[in-house]
Amino acid sequence: MNSVESVCVAGLVAIVQIGAVLVGGPLLLGVMRKVRSRLEGRRGAPIHQPLLDLRKLITKQRLRPFEASWVFGFGPVILVATVAAVAAISPLATTRPPLGQSSDFFAIIFVLLLGSVFLALGALDTGTPFGGMGSSRAMTVGALAEPALLVAILAMSIPAHTSNLPALVRIGLAHPVVIASPARLLALGSFLVVILAESGRLPVDNPSTHLELTMIHEAMVLEYAGPDLGLTMLGESMRLVLLLGLLVNLLVPWGVADRPGALAFVIGLVALVGKVLLAGVAIAVFEVFSAKLRLFRLPELLAGGFILAVLGAVTAVVSR
């Protein structure tokens, strides 16, 4: 395969992975809402309802606060752009994504955080009390969750001698004993806690609440409307499915394509959809039987995630 063909194949892989995250994010939210509705004895909206909501929002007029600057409008765009960029180079359907050698786990998390930071800045830019309250709470949760995530990445990187994300997935495929090691399991447990915190799921935040004094993420996007609100909803759903995809591939890497070829890539894509779907259903079932923690109890949960990450790192160092 010459260089031109390699570039074309890499571009196609990136487009397919971005498209899978783009469409899969809203559909995953629809599945999770459907599962919750069924368990609560309700019929619920159809699975594709989030896609219908996005189509309706895109056709509406763009309304922005008079006092807001360019930061307010750039927040949703940066959120979607950062998630799409990470999805293109992440080992979702294949362990050989484009620019895979540059897919450092620490760098990927930093890029994803840019979207969260710009969204918080956009909420602050409006000058409204609820925007400031939501941004303050979101940054507080992020400040408590990010150390746990960084230590969890360190715990997974020590046994593998690399923080390259495709390499971590390939090592799991080649050496399944690494996945069953206490260091990897403790780190992934911490990663799951961080995913629930960063995506605003229970018990950290209630995505279906509209009570101003208790919501975190909803308070940040309260001033968005029309296409801006649609981009925000799309970016959040894309980030959820992306993080869950990384989690399941690090925990259960089987099915991910580890060799070139269209058939292997299609199998990896189908395996990714199945694993993320099961993870989303499990989270939805957990949310039905759990309640939102009080704001002052969140540090206890996130501290537990940090302790799991530290134990994973210590175990990784000791077992070397």
Protein backbone atom coordinates (compact mmCIF):
# COMPACT_ATOMS: atom_id res chain seq x y z
CA MET A 1 0.00 0.00 0.00
CA ASN A 2 1.55 3.33 -1.09
CA SER A 3 1.47 6.56 0.87
CA VAL A 4 -1.58 7.97 -0.96
CA GLU A 5 -3.63 4.85 -0.26
CA SER A 6 -2.52 4.88 3.37
CA VAL A 7 -3.65 8.48 3.78
CA CYS A 8 -7.01 7.69 2.18
CA VAL A 9 -7.54 4.66 4.43
CA ALA A 10 -6.57 6.64 7.52
CA GLY A 11 -8.95 9.43 6.55
CA LEU A 12 -11.77 6.94 5.98
CA VAL A 13 -11.15 5.34 9.38
CA ALA A 14 -11.24 8.76 11.04
CA ILE A 15 -14.47 9.73 9.26
CA VAL A 16 -16.19 6.47 10.19
CA GLN A 17 -15.17 6.74 13.85
CA ILE A 18 -16.31 10.37 14.03
CA GLY A 19 -19.60 9.41 12.37
CA ALA A 20 -20.10 6.53 14.79
CA VAL A 21 -19.60 8.83 17.78
CA LEU A 22 -21.70 11.57 16.17
CA VAL A 23 -24.72 9.33 15.60
CA GLY A 24 -24.09 6.92 18.45
CA GLY A 25 -24.06 9.61 21.14
CA PRO A 26 -27.70 10.72 20.75
CA LEU A 27 -28.85 7.16 20.12
CA LEU A 28 -27.13 5.95 23.29
CA LEU A 29 -28.95 8.64 25.27
CA GLY A 30 -32.19 7.46 23.68
CA VAL A 31 -31.51 3.86 24.68
CA MET A 32 -30.63 4.86 28.25
CA ARG A 33 -33.80 6.94 28.57
CA LYS A 34 -35.84 4.07 27.16
CA VAL A 35 -34.37 1.61 29.66
CA ARG A 36 -35.06 3.98 32.55
CA SER A 37 -38.63 4.51 31.37
CA ARG A 38 -39.32 0.79 31.11
CA LEU A 39 -37.90 0.08 34.55
CA GLU A 40 -40.00 2.92 35.99
CA GLY A 41 -43.18 1.54 34.43
CA ARG A 42 -43.44 4.15 31.66
CA ARG A 43 -43.49 3.74 27.89
CA GLY A 44 -40.97 6.47 27.24
CA ALA A 45 -39.95 8.31 24.09
CA PRO A 46 -38.59 6.44 21.05
CA ILE A 47 -34.90 5.69 20.96
CA HIS A 48 -34.27 8.16 18.14
CA GLN A 49 -35.96 11.02 20.02
CA PRO A 50 -32.62 12.80 20.77
CA LEU A 51 -31.93 12.92 17.03
CA LEU A 52 -35.37 14.45 16.45
CA ASP A 53 -34.68 17.01 19.18
CA LEU A 54 -31.38 17.93 17.57
CA ARG A 55 -33.04 18.38 14.17
CA LYS A 56 -35.67 20.64 15.71
CA LEU A 57 -33.10 22.76 17.56
CA ILE A 58 -30.94 23.22 14.46
CA THR A 59 -33.88 24.69 12.54
CA LYS A 60 -34.68 27.23 15.25
CA GLN A 61 -33.41 30.78 15.44
CA ARG A 62 -30.09 31.39 17.18
CA LEU A 63 -30.67 33.57 20.26
CA ARG A 64 -27.82 34.84 22.42
CA PRO A 65 -27.70 37.18 25.43
CA PHE A 66 -26.94 40.77 24.53
CA GLU A 67 -24.06 40.95 27.02
CA ALA A 68 -22.38 37.75 25.80
CA SER A 69 -19.14 37.88 23.81
CA TRP A 70 -17.64 35.48 21.27
CA VAL A 71 -16.75 33.07 24.08
CA PHE A 72 -20.43 32.21 24.57
CA GLY A 73 -20.88 31.17 20.95
CA PHE A 74 -17.57 29.33 20.72
CA GLY A 75 -18.28 27.07 23.72
CA PRO A 76 -20.55 24.51 21.94
CA VAL A 77 -18.37 24.57 18.80
CA ILE A 78 -15.19 23.84 20.78
CA LEU A 79 -16.98 21.08 22.69
CA VAL A 80 -18.05 19.24 19.53
CA ALA A 81 -14.73 19.90 17.74
CA THR A 82 -12.57 18.52 20.55
CA VAL A 83 -14.64 15.36 20.90
CA ALA A 84 -14.57 14.81 17.12
CA ALA A 85 -10.80 15.30 17.01
CA VAL A 86 -10.24 12.80 19.83
CA ALA A 87 -12.66 10.30 18.25
CA ALA A 88 -10.67 10.39 15.02
CA ILE A 89 -7.39 9.31 16.64
CA SER A 90 -8.70 7.03 19.41
CA PRO A 91 -8.64 3.20 19.30
CA LEU A 92 -12.40 2.76 19.07
CA ALA A 93 -12.94 0.30 16.22
CA THR A 94 -9.26 -0.36 15.51
CA THR A 95 -5.97 -0.24 17.38
CA ARG A 96 -4.41 1.45 14.35
CA PRO A 97 -6.24 4.79 14.12
CA PRO A 98 -4.77 7.71 12.19
CA LEU A 99 -2.06 9.49 14.15
CA GLY A 100 -2.20 6.61 16.62
CA GLN A 101 1.38 7.19 17.70
CA SER A 102 0.34 10.66 18.91
CA SER A 103 -2.71 9.38 20.84
CA ASP A 104 -1.24 9.87 24.28
CA PHE A 105 -3.83 9.27 27.00
CA PHE A 106 -2.82 12.38 28.96
CA ALA A 107 -3.02 14.57 25.83
CA ILE A 108 -6.43 13.17 24.89
CA ILE A 109 -7.85 14.00 28.31
CA PHE A 110 -6.39 17.49 28.07
CA VAL A 111 -8.07 18.06 24.69
CA LEU A 112 -11.42 16.83 26.03
CA LEU A 113 -11.12 19.20 28.99
CA LEU A 114 -10.88 22.16 26.60
CA GLY A 115 -14.53 21.64 25.69
CA SER A 116 -15.58 21.62 29.34
CA VAL A 117 -13.56 24.74 30.09
CA PHE A 118 -14.99 26.69 27.15
CA LEU A 119 -18.52 25.61 28.10
CA ALA A 120 -17.96 26.89 31.65
CA LEU A 121 -16.48 30.13 30.31
CA GLY A 122 -19.50 30.54 28.05
CA ALA A 123 -21.84 30.19 31.01
CA LEU A 124 -19.83 32.76 32.97
CA ASP A 125 -19.82 35.09 29.96
CA THR A 126 -23.58 35.63 30.20
CA GLY A 127 -23.28 37.18 33.66
CA THR A 128 -26.36 35.33 34.96
CA PRO A 129 -26.45 33.89 38.49
CA PHE A 130 -27.34 30.37 37.37
CA GLY A 131 -24.60 30.32 34.73
CA GLY A 132 -22.02 31.29 37.32
CA MET A 133 -23.39 28.77 39.80
CA GLY A 134 -23.33 25.95 37.25
CA SER A 135 -19.81 26.81 36.09
CA SER A 136 -18.55 27.00 39.66
CA ARG A 137 -20.01 23.61 40.50
CA ALA A 138 -18.79 22.02 37.26
CA MET A 139 -15.24 23.27 37.79
CA THR A 140 -15.33 22.08 41.39
CA VAL A 141 -16.36 18.60 40.27
CA GLY A 142 -13.68 18.70 37.57
CA ALA A 143 -10.99 19.77 40.04
CA LEU A 144 -11.89 16.80 42.23
CA ALA A 145 -12.24 14.29 39.39
CA GLU A 146 -9.25 15.11 37.21
CA PRO A 147 -6.55 14.11 39.74
CA ALA A 148 -8.20 10.71 40.02
CA LEU A 149 -8.24 10.36 36.25
CA LEU A 150 -4.59 11.36 35.86
CA VAL A 151 -3.47 8.90 38.54
CA ALA A 152 -5.64 6.20 36.95
CA ILE A 153 -3.89 6.77 33.61
CA LEU A 154 -0.56 6.56 35.41
CA ALA A 155 -1.60 3.26 37.00
CA MET A 156 -2.40 1.79 33.57
CA SER A 157 0.76 3.23 32.00
CA ILE A 158 3.28 1.86 34.50
CA PRO A 159 2.88 -1.87 33.67
CA ALA A 160 2.69 -1.12 29.92
CA HIS A 161 5.65 1.30 30.01
CA THR A 162 3.65 3.70 27.82
CA SER A 163 0.69 6.07 28.02
CA ASN A 164 -0.14 5.65 24.34
CA LEU A 165 -3.82 4.71 24.17
CA PRO A 166 -3.72 2.33 21.16
CA ALA A 167 -0.71 0.61 22.73
CA LEU A 168 -2.63 0.07 25.97
CA VAL A 169 -5.46 -1.59 24.03
CA ARG A 170 -3.03 -3.74 22.03
CA ILE A 171 -1.28 -4.89 25.19
CA GLY A 172 -4.65 -5.93 26.62
CA LEU A 173 -5.35 -7.94 23.47
CA ALA A 174 -1.96 -9.64 23.49
CA HIS A 175 -1.73 -10.20 27.25
CA PRO A 176 -5.18 -10.65 28.84
CA VAL A 177 -3.54 -11.17 32.23
CA VAL A 178 -2.75 -7.45 32.24
CA ILE A 179 -6.48 -6.64 32.12
CA ALA A 180 -7.16 -8.90 35.10
CA SER A 181 -4.38 -7.32 37.13
CA PRO A 182 -5.44 -5.33 40.22
CA ALA A 183 -3.73 -2.21 38.89
CA ARG A 184 -5.77 -2.14 35.65
CA LEU A 185 -9.07 -3.00 37.40
CA LEU A 186 -8.62 -0.37 40.11
CA ALA A 187 -7.66 2.24 37.52
CA LEU A 188 -10.68 1.44 35.35
CA GLY A 189 -12.94 1.63 38.42
CA SER A 190 -11.62 5.12 39.04
CA PHE A 191 -12.07 5.94 35.35
CA LEU A 192 -15.73 4.93 35.57
CA VAL A 193 -16.31 7.27 38.53
CA VAL A 194 -14.73 10.11 36.55
CA ILE A 195 -16.93 9.34 33.51
CA LEU A 196 -20.08 9.58 35.65
CA ALA A 197 -18.85 12.88 37.11
CA GLU A 198 -17.74 14.48 33.83
CA SER A 199 -20.86 13.44 31.91
CA GLY A 200 -23.24 14.64 34.63
CA ARG A 201 -24.84 11.28 35.37
CA LEU A 202 -26.23 10.02 38.65
CA PRO A 203 -25.21 10.07 41.47
CA VAL A 204 -23.16 13.19 40.64
CA ASP A 205 -25.82 15.06 38.67
CA ASN A 206 -29.33 14.31 37.47
CA PRO A 207 -29.52 14.86 33.69
CA SER A 208 -33.33 15.00 33.76
CA THR A 209 -33.71 17.58 36.51
CA HIS A 210 -34.86 21.17 35.95
CA LEU A 211 -34.59 22.34 39.56
CA GLU A 212 -32.22 25.29 39.39
CA LEU A 213 -30.74 24.98 42.85
CA THR A 214 -29.58 21.37 42.37
CA MET A 215 -28.51 21.12 38.73
CA ILE A 216 -24.91 21.47 37.59
CA HIS A 217 -24.63 20.93 33.85
CA GLU A 218 -28.13 22.18 33.06
CA ALA A 219 -27.35 25.46 34.80
CA MET A 220 -24.38 26.03 32.48
CA VAL A 221 -26.45 25.60 29.30
CA LEU A 222 -29.50 27.47 30.57
CA GLU A 223 -28.88 30.48 28.30
CA TYR A 224 -28.26 28.47 25.14
CA ALA A 225 -31.02 28.12 22.56
CA GLY A 226 -31.53 26.87 19.04
CA PRO A 227 -28.43 25.55 17.20
CA ASP A 228 -26.14 26.46 20.12
CA LEU A 229 -28.17 24.29 22.47
CA GLY A 230 -28.26 21.53 19.88
CA LEU A 231 -24.47 21.58 19.56
CA THR A 232 -24.12 21.48 23.33
CA MET A 233 -26.41 18.46 23.64
CA LEU A 234 -24.63 16.76 20.74
CA GLY A 235 -21.19 17.40 22.21
CA GLU A 236 -22.14 16.05 25.62
CA SER A 237 -23.65 12.88 24.15
CA MET A 238 -20.60 12.40 21.90
CA ARG A 239 -18.25 12.76 24.85
CA LEU A 240 -20.23 10.19 26.86
CA VAL A 241 -20.12 7.56 24.13
CA LEU A 242 -16.44 8.31 23.45
CA LEU A 243 -15.41 7.88 27.08
CA LEU A 244 -17.49 4.71 27.40
CA GLY A 245 -15.86 3.40 24.22
CA LEU A 246 -12.41 3.96 25.67
CA LEU A 247 -13.46 2.32 28.94
CA VAL A 248 -14.86 -0.85 27.37
CA ASN A 249 -11.90 -1.21 25.00
CA LEU A 250 -9.47 -0.95 27.90
CA LEU A 251 -11.51 -3.43 29.95
CA VAL A 252 -12.75 -5.80 27.22
CA PRO A 253 -10.58 -5.17 24.15
CA TRP A 254 -11.68 -8.27 22.25
CA GLY A 255 -13.28 -7.48 18.93
CA VAL A 256 -11.19 -4.37 18.27
CA ALA A 257 -9.44 -4.64 14.91
CA ASP A 258 -5.71 -5.24 15.39
CA ARG A 259 -4.83 -5.78 11.75
CA PRO A 260 -5.53 -3.90 8.51
CA GLY A 261 -8.53 -4.81 6.40
CA ALA A 262 -12.12 -3.72 5.90
CA LEU A 263 -13.62 -6.87 7.44
CA ALA A 264 -11.62 -6.53 10.66
CA PHE A 265 -12.58 -2.87 10.92
CA VAL A 266 -16.30 -3.63 10.45
CA ILE A 267 -16.11 -6.35 13.11
CA GLY A 268 -14.39 -3.90 15.44
CA LEU A 269 -17.09 -1.31 14.80
CA VAL A 270 -19.87 -3.81 15.53
CA ALA A 271 -18.08 -4.97 18.68
CA LEU A 272 -17.68 -1.36 19.81
CA VAL A 273 -21.40 -0.69 19.35
CA GLY A 274 -22.34 -3.78 21.32
CA LYS A 275 -19.98 -3.10 24.21
CA VAL A 276 -20.92 0.57 24.53
CA LEU A 277 -24.60 -0.34 24.35
CA LEU A 278 -24.21 -2.81 27.21
CA ALA A 279 -22.29 -0.22 29.25
CA GLY A 280 -25.00 2.39 28.63
CA VAL A 281 -27.76 -0.01 29.66
CA ALA A 282 -25.85 -0.90 32.83
CA ILE A 283 -25.50 2.80 33.73
CA ALA A 284 -29.21 3.38 33.06
CA VAL A 285 -30.18 0.48 35.32
CA PHE A 286 -27.85 1.81 38.01
CA GLU A 287 -29.42 5.26 37.78
CA VAL A 288 -32.91 3.88 38.34
CA PHE A 289 -31.89 2.45 41.70
CA SER A 290 -29.69 5.34 42.83
CA ALA A 291 -30.31 8.89 43.96
CA LYS A 292 -28.41 12.09 43.38
CA LEU A 293 -25.89 12.85 46.10
CA ARG A 294 -26.01 16.15 47.89
CA LEU A 295 -23.46 18.64 46.60
CA PHE A 296 -21.45 18.43 49.81
CA ARG A 297 -21.26 14.64 49.53
CA LEU A 298 -19.69 14.68 46.06
CA PRO A 299 -16.12 15.08 47.38
CA GLU A 300 -16.53 11.77 49.21
CA LEU A 301 -17.45 9.93 46.00
CA LEU A 302 -14.67 11.54 43.97
CA ALA A 303 -12.19 10.98 46.78
CA GLY A 304 -13.12 7.30 46.59
CA GLY A 305 -12.28 7.34 42.88
CA PHE A 306 -8.96 8.99 43.67
CA ILE A 307 -8.17 6.36 46.29
CA LEU A 308 -8.90 3.61 43.75
CA ALA A 309 -6.51 5.26 41.31
CA VAL A 310 -3.78 5.63 43.93
CA LEU A 311 -4.17 1.99 44.96
CA GLY A 312 -3.91 1.00 41.30
CA ALA A 313 -0.72 3.04 40.88
CA VAL A 314 0.84 1.64 44.04
CA THR A 315 -0.09 -1.91 43.01
CA ALA A 316 1.44 -1.32 39.57
CA VAL A 317 4.71 -0.08 41.10
CA VAL A 318 4.92 -2.91 43.64
CA SER A 319 4.19 -5.65 41.08
CA ARG A 320 6.85 -4.51 38.63
